[in-house]
Amino acid sequence: MAWGMAWGMAWGMACGMLSSMADSEKVRENRLRRMAQRQGLILQKSRRRDPRAPDFGTYWLVDRNYNTIVAGESFGMDLDAVEAALNE
């Protein structure tokens, strides 16, 4: 019984850490989304749900007026590359 309770607490703490990492990633994504909007762009996230897909979890910067991809042409970019493109 005690082992099960310890395992449950450890699992809960691990999930909490993953959640906070996901939260910080979401905050960063929202900040970059606002930066893109101020530059007349849209930060678009890949809708793929297959983790093995080459564009899973990637982003594109799209021109709002012409609906064309400005950065992240083929397989998209990670958030570091998005931030670099927005700061150019």
C-alpha atoms as a PDB file:
ATOM      1  CA  MET A   1       0.000   0.000   0.000  1.00  0.00           C
ATOM      2  CA  ALA A   2       2.765   2.476   0.932  1.00  0.00           C
ATOM      3  CA  TRP A   3       4.658   1.674  -2.272  1.00  0.00           C
ATOM      4  CA  GLY A   4       1.555   2.408  -4.353  1.00  0.00           C
ATOM      5  CA  MET A   5       1.017   5.707  -2.591  1.00  0.00           C
ATOM      6  CA  ALA A   6       4.676   6.720  -3.122  1.00  0.00           C
ATOM      7  CA  TRP A   7       4.421   5.784  -6.804  1.00  0.00           C
ATOM      8  CA  GLY A   8       1.241   7.826  -7.138  1.00  0.00           C
ATOM      9  CA  MET A   9       2.876  10.868  -5.559  1.00  0.00           C
ATOM     10  CA  ALA A  10       5.960  10.538  -7.779  1.00  0.00           C
ATOM     11  CA  TRP A  11       3.771  10.194 -10.866  1.00  0.00           C
ATOM     12  CA  GLY A  12       1.727  13.230  -9.856  1.00  0.00           C
ATOM     13  CA  MET A  13       4.866  15.310  -9.377  1.00  0.00           C
ATOM     14  CA  ALA A  14       6.238  14.198 -12.745  1.00  0.00           C
ATOM     15  CA  CYS A  15       2.960  15.090 -14.464  1.00  0.00           C
ATOM     16  CA  GLY A  16       3.006  18.459 -12.734  1.00  0.00           C
ATOM     17  CA  MET A  17       6.507  19.149 -14.043  1.00  0.00           C
ATOM     18  CA  LEU A  18       5.469  18.171 -17.561  1.00  0.00           C
ATOM     19  CA  SER A  19       2.432  20.387 -17.269  1.00  0.00           C
ATOM     20  CA  SER A  20       4.516  23.368 -16.189  1.00  0.00           C
ATOM     21  CA  MET A  21       6.902  22.766 -19.110  1.00  0.00           C
ATOM     22  CA  ALA A  22       3.945  22.664 -21.465  1.00  0.00           C
ATOM     23  CA  ASP A  23       2.565  25.823 -19.849  1.00  0.00           C
ATOM     24  CA  SER A  24       5.835  27.718 -20.347  1.00  0.00           C
ATOM     25  CA  GLU A  25       5.951  26.511 -23.958  1.00  0.00           C
ATOM     26  CA  LYS A  26       2.395  27.763 -24.495  1.00  0.00           C
ATOM     27  CA  VAL A  27       3.277  31.137 -22.965  1.00  0.00           C
ATOM     28  CA  ARG A  28       6.222  31.406 -25.347  1.00  0.00           C
ATOM     29  CA  GLU A  29       4.045  30.391 -28.292  1.00  0.00           C
ATOM     30  CA  ASN A  30       1.492  33.079 -27.407  1.00  0.00           C
ATOM     31  CA  ARG A  31       4.231  35.715 -27.069  1.00  0.00           C
ATOM     32  CA  LEU A  32       5.590  34.792 -30.515  1.00  0.00           C
ATOM     33  CA  ARG A  33       2.050  34.799 -31.907  1.00  0.00           C
ATOM     34  CA  ARG A  34       1.639  38.414 -30.736  1.00  0.00           C
ATOM     35  CA  MET A  35       5.044  39.379 -32.178  1.00  0.00           C
ATOM     36  CA  ALA A  36       4.012  37.914 -35.536  1.00  0.00           C
ATOM     37  CA  GLN A  37       0.694  39.732 -35.431  1.00  0.00           C
ATOM     38  CA  ARG A  38       2.444  43.077 -34.889  1.00  0.00           C
ATOM     39  CA  GLN A  39       4.488  42.383 -38.037  1.00  0.00           C
ATOM     40  CA  GLY A  40       1.437  41.550 -40.145  1.00  0.00           C
ATOM     41  CA  LEU A  41       2.035  37.811 -39.941  1.00  0.00           C
ATOM     42  CA  ILE A  42       0.192  34.806 -38.544  1.00  0.00           C
ATOM     43  CA  LEU A  43       1.960  32.107 -36.539  1.00  0.00           C
ATOM     44  CA  GLN A  44       0.366  28.900 -37.749  1.00  0.00           C
ATOM     45  CA  LYS A  45       0.953  25.573 -35.998  1.00  0.00           C
ATOM     46  CA  SER A  46       0.964  22.226 -37.769  1.00  0.00           C
ATOM     47  CA  ARG A  47      -2.244  20.277 -37.221  1.00  0.00           C
ATOM     48  CA  ARG A  48      -0.517  16.911 -37.528  1.00  0.00           C
ATOM     49  CA  ARG A  49      -1.203  14.524 -34.659  1.00  0.00           C
ATOM     50  CA  ASP A  50       1.258  11.814 -35.703  1.00  0.00           C
ATOM     51  CA  PRO A  51       4.542  12.311 -33.784  1.00  0.00           C
ATOM     52  CA  ARG A  52       6.410  10.499 -36.581  1.00  0.00           C
ATOM     53  CA  ALA A  53       5.270  13.005 -39.224  1.00  0.00           C
ATOM     54  CA  PRO A  54       8.063  15.371 -40.314  1.00  0.00           C
ATOM     55  CA  ASP A  55       5.979  18.474 -39.622  1.00  0.00           C
ATOM     56  CA  PHE A  56       4.585  17.375 -36.247  1.00  0.00           C
ATOM     57  CA  GLY A  57       4.754  20.214 -33.702  1.00  0.00           C
ATOM     58  CA  THR A  58       6.193  22.732 -36.157  1.00  0.00           C
ATOM     59  CA  TYR A  59       5.176  26.279 -37.076  1.00  0.00           C
ATOM     60  CA  TRP A  60       4.980  28.523 -40.129  1.00  0.00           C
ATOM     61  CA  LEU A  61       4.912  32.279 -40.429  1.00  0.00           C
ATOM     62  CA  VAL A  62       2.214  33.245 -42.913  1.00  0.00           C
ATOM     63  CA  ASP A  63       1.674  36.680 -44.479  1.00  0.00           C
ATOM     64  CA  ARG A  64      -1.758  37.825 -43.343  1.00  0.00           C
ATOM     65  CA  ASN A  65      -2.577  39.783 -46.515  1.00  0.00           C
ATOM     66  CA  TYR A  66      -1.399  37.334 -49.176  1.00  0.00           C
ATOM     67  CA  ASN A  67      -1.847  34.045 -47.274  1.00  0.00           C
ATOM     68  CA  THR A  68       1.639  32.914 -48.283  1.00  0.00           C
ATOM     69  CA  ILE A  69       4.278  31.200 -46.182  1.00  0.00           C
ATOM     70  CA  VAL A  70       7.028  33.642 -45.241  1.00  0.00           C
ATOM     71  CA  ALA A  71       9.184  31.295 -43.128  1.00  0.00           C
ATOM     72  CA  GLY A  72       9.208  27.539 -42.509  1.00  0.00           C
ATOM     73  CA  GLU A  73       8.595  26.541 -46.115  1.00  0.00           C
ATOM     74  CA  SER A  74       8.676  22.748 -46.300  1.00  0.00           C
ATOM     75  CA  PHE A  75       8.495  21.125 -42.867  1.00  0.00           C
ATOM     76  CA  GLY A  76       8.013  24.145 -40.632  1.00  0.00           C
ATOM     77  CA  MET A  77      10.160  25.499 -37.796  1.00  0.00           C
ATOM     78  CA  ASP A  78      10.500  25.039 -34.072  1.00  0.00           C
ATOM     79  CA  LEU A  79       9.864  27.959 -31.717  1.00  0.00           C
ATOM     80  CA  ASP A  80      13.563  28.915 -31.628  1.00  0.00           C
ATOM     81  CA  ALA A  81      13.597  29.330 -35.415  1.00  0.00           C
ATOM     82  CA  VAL A  82      10.295  31.262 -35.285  1.00  0.00           C
ATOM     83  CA  GLU A  83      11.741  33.659 -32.726  1.00  0.00           C
ATOM     84  CA  ALA A  84      14.887  34.141 -34.828  1.00  0.00           C
ATOM     85  CA  ALA A  85      12.811  34.844 -37.952  1.00  0.00           C
ATOM     86  CA  LEU A  86      10.650  37.373 -36.113  1.00  0.00           C
ATOM     87  CA  ASN A  87      13.693  39.169 -34.709  1.00  0.00           C
ATOM     88  CA  GLU A  88      15.400  39.591 -38.111  1.00  0.00           C
END
